[in-house]
Amino acid sequence: MTLEQFKELTLEEMMFHHDGWYMMSDDHSKYEQGVWERNIIEEKVKAQGGWDPFLINMWNDNYNPKMAIKALYDCG
């Protein structure tokens, strides 16, 4: 999937398709793709008003590898 196609996805689809293992890749292009995807997700979250409990649960349900985001963003 290209970055332009990724940008057209819903936030939930982005979270589902994002490869959270990009940080561990030996292939620099895969690492860059992951960084760009993560930045696109963060921009879309910011445009919707930031991380809230609904988005945090969506992230936690879809993100692979499992990494709870509540520790990073305490929303109560």
Protein backbone atom coordinates (compact mmCIF):
# COMPACT_ATOMS: atom_id res chain seq x y z
CA MET A 1 0.00 0.00 0.00
CA THR A 2 1.33 3.43 -0.90
CA LEU A 3 1.36 6.30 1.55
CA GLU A 4 -1.27 8.08 -0.54
CA GLN A 5 -3.55 5.04 -0.25
CA PHE A 6 -2.79 4.84 3.47
CA LYS A 7 -3.83 8.48 3.93
CA GLU A 8 -7.25 7.69 2.44
CA LEU A 9 -8.04 5.01 5.04
CA THR A 10 -10.18 5.62 8.08
CA LEU A 11 -8.34 5.93 11.36
CA GLU A 12 -9.45 2.46 12.38
CA GLU A 13 -8.23 1.01 9.08
CA MET A 14 -4.91 2.81 9.49
CA MET A 15 -4.44 1.33 12.94
CA PHE A 16 -5.33 -2.13 11.66
CA HIS A 17 -2.95 -2.02 8.68
CA HIS A 18 -0.04 -0.27 10.41
CA ASP A 19 2.88 -2.64 10.97
CA GLY A 20 4.00 -1.97 14.51
CA TRP A 21 7.10 -4.09 14.00
CA TYR A 22 8.57 -1.52 11.61
CA MET A 23 10.99 -0.43 14.33
CA MET A 24 12.64 -3.85 14.25
CA SER A 25 13.04 -4.10 10.47
CA ASP A 26 16.46 -4.58 8.93
CA ASP A 27 15.03 -3.08 5.74
CA HIS A 28 15.39 0.69 6.03
CA SER A 29 12.55 1.31 3.54
CA LYS A 30 10.17 -0.71 5.78
CA TYR A 31 11.33 1.32 8.77
CA GLU A 32 10.70 4.60 6.90
CA GLN A 33 7.27 3.38 5.77
CA GLY A 34 6.37 2.61 9.38
CA VAL A 35 7.54 6.00 10.60
CA TRP A 36 5.53 7.77 7.89
CA GLU A 37 2.43 5.69 8.66
CA ARG A 38 2.75 6.39 12.38
CA ASN A 39 3.07 10.12 11.66
CA ILE A 40 -0.03 10.03 9.45
CA ILE A 41 -1.95 8.27 12.23
CA GLU A 42 -0.79 10.85 14.79
CA GLU A 43 -1.80 13.72 12.47
CA LYS A 44 -5.27 12.22 11.96
CA VAL A 45 -5.70 11.71 15.71
CA LYS A 46 -4.66 15.32 16.33
CA ALA A 47 -7.13 16.54 13.69
CA GLN A 48 -9.91 14.70 15.56
CA GLY A 49 -9.05 16.43 18.83
CA GLY A 50 -6.30 14.17 20.17
CA TRP A 51 -6.22 10.87 21.98
CA ASP A 52 -9.40 10.11 23.87
CA PRO A 53 -10.52 6.87 25.55
CA PHE A 54 -12.33 5.69 22.38
CA LEU A 55 -9.23 6.15 20.19
CA ILE A 56 -6.99 4.59 22.82
CA ASN A 57 -9.21 1.49 22.93
CA MET A 58 -9.26 1.37 19.12
CA TRP A 59 -5.45 1.55 19.06
CA ASN A 60 -5.08 -1.12 21.73
CA ASP A 61 -7.52 -3.42 19.91
CA ASN A 62 -5.83 -3.07 16.51
CA TYR A 63 -2.16 -2.40 17.10
CA ASN A 64 0.35 -5.14 16.46
CA PRO A 65 2.51 -5.78 18.42
CA LYS A 66 0.23 -5.27 21.37
CA MET A 67 1.35 -2.08 23.06
CA ALA A 68 -1.11 -0.42 25.38
CA ILE A 69 -1.13 3.29 24.71
CA LYS A 70 -2.78 4.24 28.03
CA ALA A 71 0.65 4.43 29.63
CA LEU A 72 1.65 7.04 27.05
CA TYR A 73 -1.54 9.12 27.10
CA ASP A 74 -3.38 9.20 30.40
CA CYS A 75 -6.97 10.13 29.62
CA GLY A 76 -8.46 9.24 32.93
